[in-house]
C-alpha atoms as a PDB file:
ATOM      1  CA  MET A   1     -14.957   5.436   0.361  1.00  0.00           C
ATOM      2  CA  THR A   2     -14.368   6.963   3.770  1.00  0.00           C
ATOM      3  CA  ASP A   3     -16.929   9.565   4.838  1.00  0.00           C
ATOM      4  CA  ALA A   4     -15.296  13.020   4.931  1.00  0.00           C
ATOM      5  CA  LEU A   5     -16.905  13.646   8.326  1.00  0.00           C
ATOM      6  CA  GLN A   6     -15.365  10.549   9.841  1.00  0.00           C
ATOM      7  CA  PRO A   7     -11.877  10.780  11.322  1.00  0.00           C
ATOM      8  CA  ASN A   8      -9.144   9.114   9.278  1.00  0.00           C
ATOM      9  CA  PRO A   9      -7.021   6.339  10.818  1.00  0.00           C
ATOM     10  CA  MET A  10      -4.205   8.733  11.788  1.00  0.00           C
ATOM     11  CA  GLU A  11      -6.647  11.047  13.560  1.00  0.00           C
ATOM     12  CA  ILE A  12      -7.987   8.065  15.460  1.00  0.00           C
ATOM     13  CA  MET A  13      -4.428   6.972  16.316  1.00  0.00           C
ATOM     14  CA  ARG A  14      -3.581  10.498  17.522  1.00  0.00           C
ATOM     15  CA  GLY A  15      -6.528  10.340  19.904  1.00  0.00           C
ATOM     16  CA  ALA A  16      -5.795   6.859  21.150  1.00  0.00           C
ATOM     17  CA  ALA A  17      -2.004   6.882  21.178  1.00  0.00           C
ATOM     18  CA  PRO A  18      -0.364  10.232  20.384  1.00  0.00           C
ATOM     19  CA  GLU A  19       3.112   8.706  20.709  1.00  0.00           C
ATOM     20  CA  GLY A  20       2.172   5.959  18.232  1.00  0.00           C
ATOM     21  CA  ALA A  21       0.963   8.545  15.733  1.00  0.00           C
ATOM     22  CA  ARG A  22       4.092  10.663  16.247  1.00  0.00           C
ATOM     23  CA  THR A  23       6.484   7.802  15.708  1.00  0.00           C
ATOM     24  CA  TYR A  24       4.594   6.630  12.589  1.00  0.00           C
ATOM     25  CA  LEU A  25       4.767  10.119  11.111  1.00  0.00           C
ATOM     26  CA  GLU A  26       8.476  10.347  11.924  1.00  0.00           C
ATOM     27  CA  HIS A  27       9.065   7.005  10.227  1.00  0.00           C
ATOM     28  CA  ARG A  28       7.051   8.147   7.216  1.00  0.00           C
ATOM     29  CA  ALA A  29       9.146  11.309   6.933  1.00  0.00           C
ATOM     30  CA  ALA A  30      12.358   9.339   7.321  1.00  0.00           C
ATOM     31  CA  ILE A  31      11.424   7.209   4.296  1.00  0.00           C
ATOM     32  CA  MET A  32       9.459   9.596   2.111  1.00  0.00           C
ATOM     33  CA  ASP A  33      11.221  12.920   2.754  1.00  0.00           C
ATOM     34  CA  ASN A  34      14.760  11.967   3.736  1.00  0.00           C
ATOM     35  CA  PRO A  35      17.226  13.638   1.323  1.00  0.00           C
ATOM     36  CA  GLU A  36      19.472  10.590   1.636  1.00  0.00           C
ATOM     37  CA  LEU A  37      16.689   8.263   0.438  1.00  0.00           C
ATOM     38  CA  GLN A  38      15.740   9.843  -2.887  1.00  0.00           C
ATOM     39  CA  ALA A  39      16.948   7.243  -5.383  1.00  0.00           C
ATOM     40  CA  VAL A  40      13.237   6.497  -5.854  1.00  0.00           C
ATOM     41  CA  PRO A  41      11.277   9.704  -6.472  1.00  0.00           C
ATOM     42  CA  LEU A  42       8.307  10.450  -4.211  1.00  0.00           C
ATOM     43  CA  LYS A  43       5.774   9.800  -7.001  1.00  0.00           C
ATOM     44  CA  TYR A  44       7.086   6.257  -7.414  1.00  0.00           C
ATOM     45  CA  LYS A  45       7.192   5.626  -3.674  1.00  0.00           C
ATOM     46  CA  LEU A  46       3.544   6.620  -3.547  1.00  0.00           C
ATOM     47  CA  LEU A  47       2.697   4.337  -6.477  1.00  0.00           C
ATOM     48  CA  VAL A  48       4.328   1.485  -4.529  1.00  0.00           C
ATOM     49  CA  GLY A  49       2.228   2.512  -1.538  1.00  0.00           C
ATOM     50  CA  ILE A  50      -0.938   2.331  -3.634  1.00  0.00           C
ATOM     51  CA  GLY A  51      -0.089  -1.160  -4.750  1.00  0.00           C
ATOM     52  CA  VAL A  52       0.725  -2.371  -1.241  1.00  0.00           C
ATOM     53  CA  ALA A  53      -2.386  -0.790   0.230  1.00  0.00           C
ATOM     54  CA  ALA A  54      -4.522  -2.374  -2.479  1.00  0.00           C
ATOM     55  CA  ALA A  55      -2.921  -5.794  -2.014  1.00  0.00           C
ATOM     56  CA  LEU A  56      -3.408  -5.539   1.758  1.00  0.00           C
ATOM     57  CA  GLN A  57      -7.038  -4.540   1.118  1.00  0.00           C
ATOM     58  CA  SER A  58      -7.030  -1.108   2.745  1.00  0.00           C
ATOM     59  CA  SER A  59      -9.428   1.103   0.816  1.00  0.00           C
ATOM     60  CA  THR A  60      -8.716   4.114   3.018  1.00  0.00           C
ATOM     61  CA  CYS A  61      -4.957   3.850   2.527  1.00  0.00           C
ATOM     62  CA  THR A  62      -5.329   3.193  -1.216  1.00  0.00           C
ATOM     63  CA  VAL A  63      -7.373   6.389  -1.622  1.00  0.00           C
ATOM     64  CA  GLN A  64      -4.994   8.439   0.562  1.00  0.00           C
ATOM     65  CA  TRP A  65      -1.865   7.257  -1.302  1.00  0.00           C
ATOM     66  CA  ALA A  66      -3.625   7.853  -4.648  1.00  0.00           C
ATOM     67  CA  LYS A  67      -4.463  11.430  -3.680  1.00  0.00           C
ATOM     68  CA  GLN A  68      -0.889  12.032  -2.574  1.00  0.00           C
ATOM     69  CA  ALA A  69       0.450  10.437  -5.741  1.00  0.00           C
ATOM     70  CA  VAL A  70      -1.643  12.779  -7.884  1.00  0.00           C
ATOM     71  CA  GLN A  71      -0.296  15.733  -5.877  1.00  0.00           C
ATOM     72  CA  ALA A  72       3.233  14.368  -6.535  1.00  0.00           C
ATOM     73  CA  GLY A  73       2.554  14.287 -10.287  1.00  0.00           C
ATOM     74  CA  ALA A  74       1.227  10.775 -10.909  1.00  0.00           C
ATOM     75  CA  THR A  75      -1.312  10.361 -13.662  1.00  0.00           C
ATOM     76  CA  LYS A  76      -4.553   8.403 -13.435  1.00  0.00           C
ATOM     77  CA  GLU A  77      -3.014   5.931 -15.894  1.00  0.00           C
ATOM     78  CA  GLU A  78       0.036   5.418 -13.642  1.00  0.00           C
ATOM     79  CA  ILE A  79      -2.195   4.803 -10.634  1.00  0.00           C
ATOM     80  CA  VAL A  80      -4.347   2.305 -12.523  1.00  0.00           C
ATOM     81  CA  GLU A  81      -1.227   0.519 -13.748  1.00  0.00           C
ATOM     82  CA  ALA A  82       0.162   0.397 -10.205  1.00  0.00           C
ATOM     83  CA  VAL A  83      -3.080  -1.262  -9.074  1.00  0.00           C
ATOM     84  CA  LEU A  84      -2.918  -3.779 -11.923  1.00  0.00           C
ATOM     85  CA  VAL A  85       0.687  -4.621 -11.054  1.00  0.00           C
ATOM     86  CA  SER A  86      -0.261  -5.104  -7.395  1.00  0.00           C
ATOM     87  CA  ARG A  87      -3.119  -7.390  -8.439  1.00  0.00           C
ATOM     88  CA  LEU A  88      -0.702  -9.426 -10.575  1.00  0.00           C
ATOM     89  CA  MET A  89       1.842  -9.689  -7.738  1.00  0.00           C
ATOM     90  CA  LYS A  90      -0.828 -10.721  -5.240  1.00  0.00           C
ATOM     91  CA  ALA A  91      -2.032 -13.411  -7.666  1.00  0.00           C
ATOM     92  CA  ALA A  92       1.565 -14.622  -7.958  1.00  0.00           C
ATOM     93  CA  THR A  93       1.785 -14.993  -4.181  1.00  0.00           C
ATOM     94  CA  VAL A  94      -1.443 -17.008  -4.208  1.00  0.00           C
ATOM     95  CA  ASN A  95       0.110 -19.283  -6.829  1.00  0.00           C
ATOM     96  CA  ASP A  96       3.170 -19.703  -4.616  1.00  0.00           C
ATOM     97  CA  THR A  97       1.091 -20.290  -1.499  1.00  0.00           C
ATOM     98  CA  VAL A  98      -0.938 -23.095  -3.061  1.00  0.00           C
ATOM     99  CA  ALA A  99       1.954 -24.785  -4.907  1.00  0.00           C
ATOM    100  CA  ASP A 100       2.573 -27.360  -2.165  1.00  0.00           C
ATOM    101  CA  ALA A 101      -1.113 -28.208  -1.906  1.00  0.00           C
ATOM    102  CA  LEU A 102      -1.454 -28.559  -5.659  1.00  0.00           C
ATOM    103  CA  THR A 103       1.658 -30.731  -5.782  1.00  0.00           C
ATOM    104  CA  TRP A 104       0.233 -32.926  -3.019  1.00  0.00           C
ATOM    105  CA  LEU A 105      -3.068 -33.200  -4.855  1.00  0.00           C
ATOM    106  CA  ALA A 106      -1.325 -34.183  -8.106  1.00  0.00           C
ATOM    107  CA  GLU A 107       0.862 -36.798  -6.404  1.00  0.00           C
ATOM    108  CA  ASP A 108      -1.069 -38.138  -3.402  1.00  0.00           C
ATOM    109  CA  GLY A 109      -4.475 -36.528  -3.155  1.00  0.00           C
ATOM    110  CA  ASP A 110      -7.026 -39.190  -3.826  1.00  0.00           C
END
């Protein structure tokens, strides 16, 4: 887990590229807070974020999205289930990625 005394990635980005941090935060607000994009409630958007962060192997982002999801009303059980779904989906992409190699091995790979 990230040390509380260490700056988080957005703090580092603000120091290195304030414009990059600003535009990211604007994009985040445009997706997460936009009144015209509320078909998916915030809690569920954050659960998606947890799954994506976990699948992309970002511990820092997974923790941050989980904290925000709890604040938005997500339960521990919902967060765990989101992680399990992301693990399943990542495994499915591995299956898809190796399909050609496995087919080749079954047909030609001697």
